[in-house]
Amino acid sequence: MTTQKYLPEETMIKKGIETLMHALGPVETARFLTLPRYCYADTVEWHRQWPESLDPTQFFDQVFGTNRAARSQDPVCRHFR
C-alpha cells in the first residue's frame, strides 16, 4: 500500500489550472471556474423536502413490488409496515 501525501494548496491550484487550460483552453477554463454554484444548494434543499412528500406505502410498493402479503410473515419485513 502506498502512502498518499497532500500537495500544498498553492501547488494543487497551479496544477489544476494548468490541467484545465490544457484540456479546455483559456476561455472555457474561465467559463468553468465562474459557473454558478447555486445549483448545489437547490439539490440539498430538494433532498431535505423529499421525505415530507414521501408516501411510505407507495415507496415500498415501487421498490419491493406490490406483493407484500407474502412478505407479511417475514419478521424483518413486518418491521417496515
Protein backbone atom coordinates (compact mmCIF):
# COMPACT_ATOMS: atom_id res chain seq x y z
CA MET A 1 0.00 0.00 0.00
CA THR A 2 1.38 3.39 -0.96
CA THR A 3 1.18 6.46 1.20
CA GLN A 4 -0.57 9.49 -0.23
CA LYS A 5 0.65 12.98 0.54
CA TYR A 6 -1.44 16.09 0.12
CA LEU A 7 0.03 18.72 -2.16
CA PRO A 8 0.48 22.19 -0.78
CA GLU A 9 -2.59 24.24 -1.69
CA GLU A 10 -0.67 26.57 -3.99
CA THR A 11 0.78 23.63 -5.95
CA MET A 12 -2.61 21.94 -6.22
CA ILE A 13 -4.22 25.12 -7.56
CA LYS A 14 -1.42 25.67 -10.07
CA LYS A 15 -1.61 22.07 -11.35
CA GLY A 16 -5.40 22.23 -11.52
CA ILE A 17 -5.38 25.43 -13.56
CA GLU A 18 -2.67 24.07 -15.87
CA THR A 19 -4.70 20.90 -16.43
CA LEU A 20 -7.87 22.86 -17.17
CA MET A 21 -6.02 25.20 -19.53
CA HIS A 22 -4.50 22.28 -21.39
CA ALA A 23 -7.80 20.39 -21.66
CA LEU A 24 -10.23 23.27 -22.22
CA GLY A 25 -8.26 26.30 -23.31
CA PRO A 26 -8.33 29.73 -21.64
CA VAL A 27 -11.91 30.74 -22.49
CA GLU A 28 -13.57 27.50 -21.39
CA THR A 29 -11.35 27.32 -18.29
CA ALA A 30 -12.52 30.79 -17.25
CA ARG A 31 -16.10 29.80 -18.01
CA PHE A 32 -15.77 26.60 -15.95
CA LEU A 33 -14.28 28.44 -12.98
CA THR A 34 -17.09 31.00 -12.96
CA LEU A 35 -20.01 28.55 -13.21
CA PRO A 36 -22.68 29.38 -10.65
CA ARG A 37 -22.69 27.16 -7.60
CA TYR A 38 -26.29 27.78 -6.55
CA CYS A 39 -27.49 24.54 -8.14
CA TYR A 40 -25.92 22.58 -5.28
CA ALA A 41 -27.98 24.46 -2.69
CA ASP A 42 -31.14 23.65 -4.65
CA THR A 43 -30.27 19.96 -4.64
CA VAL A 44 -29.66 19.98 -0.89
CA GLU A 45 -32.99 21.73 -0.31
CA TRP A 46 -34.76 19.19 -2.53
CA HIS A 47 -33.26 16.33 -0.52
CA ARG A 48 -34.46 17.94 2.69
CA GLN A 49 -38.02 18.35 1.37
CA TRP A 50 -38.30 14.95 -0.32
CA PRO A 51 -39.15 12.88 2.81
CA GLU A 52 -42.06 15.22 3.66
CA SER A 53 -43.82 14.35 0.40
CA LEU A 54 -42.99 10.65 0.55
CA ASP A 55 -45.81 8.12 0.91
CA PRO A 56 -44.11 5.11 2.59
CA THR A 57 -46.62 2.56 1.27
CA GLN A 58 -46.27 3.76 -2.31
CA PHE A 59 -42.48 3.94 -1.97
CA PHE A 60 -42.17 0.36 -0.66
CA ASP A 61 -44.56 -0.89 -3.34
CA GLN A 62 -42.39 0.71 -6.02
CA VAL A 63 -39.16 -0.63 -4.56
CA PHE A 64 -40.26 -4.10 -3.45
CA GLY A 65 -43.33 -4.69 -5.61
CA THR A 66 -46.96 -4.85 -4.62
CA ASN A 67 -46.94 -8.47 -3.38
CA ARG A 68 -46.34 -7.55 0.23
CA ALA A 69 -48.79 -10.14 1.59
CA ALA A 70 -46.22 -12.90 1.09
CA ARG A 71 -43.64 -10.89 2.97
CA SER A 72 -46.00 -10.02 5.83
CA GLN A 73 -44.99 -13.26 7.56
CA ASP A 74 -41.31 -12.37 7.34
CA PRO A 75 -40.27 -10.82 10.71
CA VAL A 76 -37.82 -8.45 9.02
CA CYS A 77 -40.43 -7.14 6.55
CA ARG A 78 -43.02 -6.76 9.31
CA HIS A 79 -40.79 -4.09 10.81
CA PHE A 80 -41.36 -1.86 7.75
CA ARG A 81 -45.17 -1.94 7.74
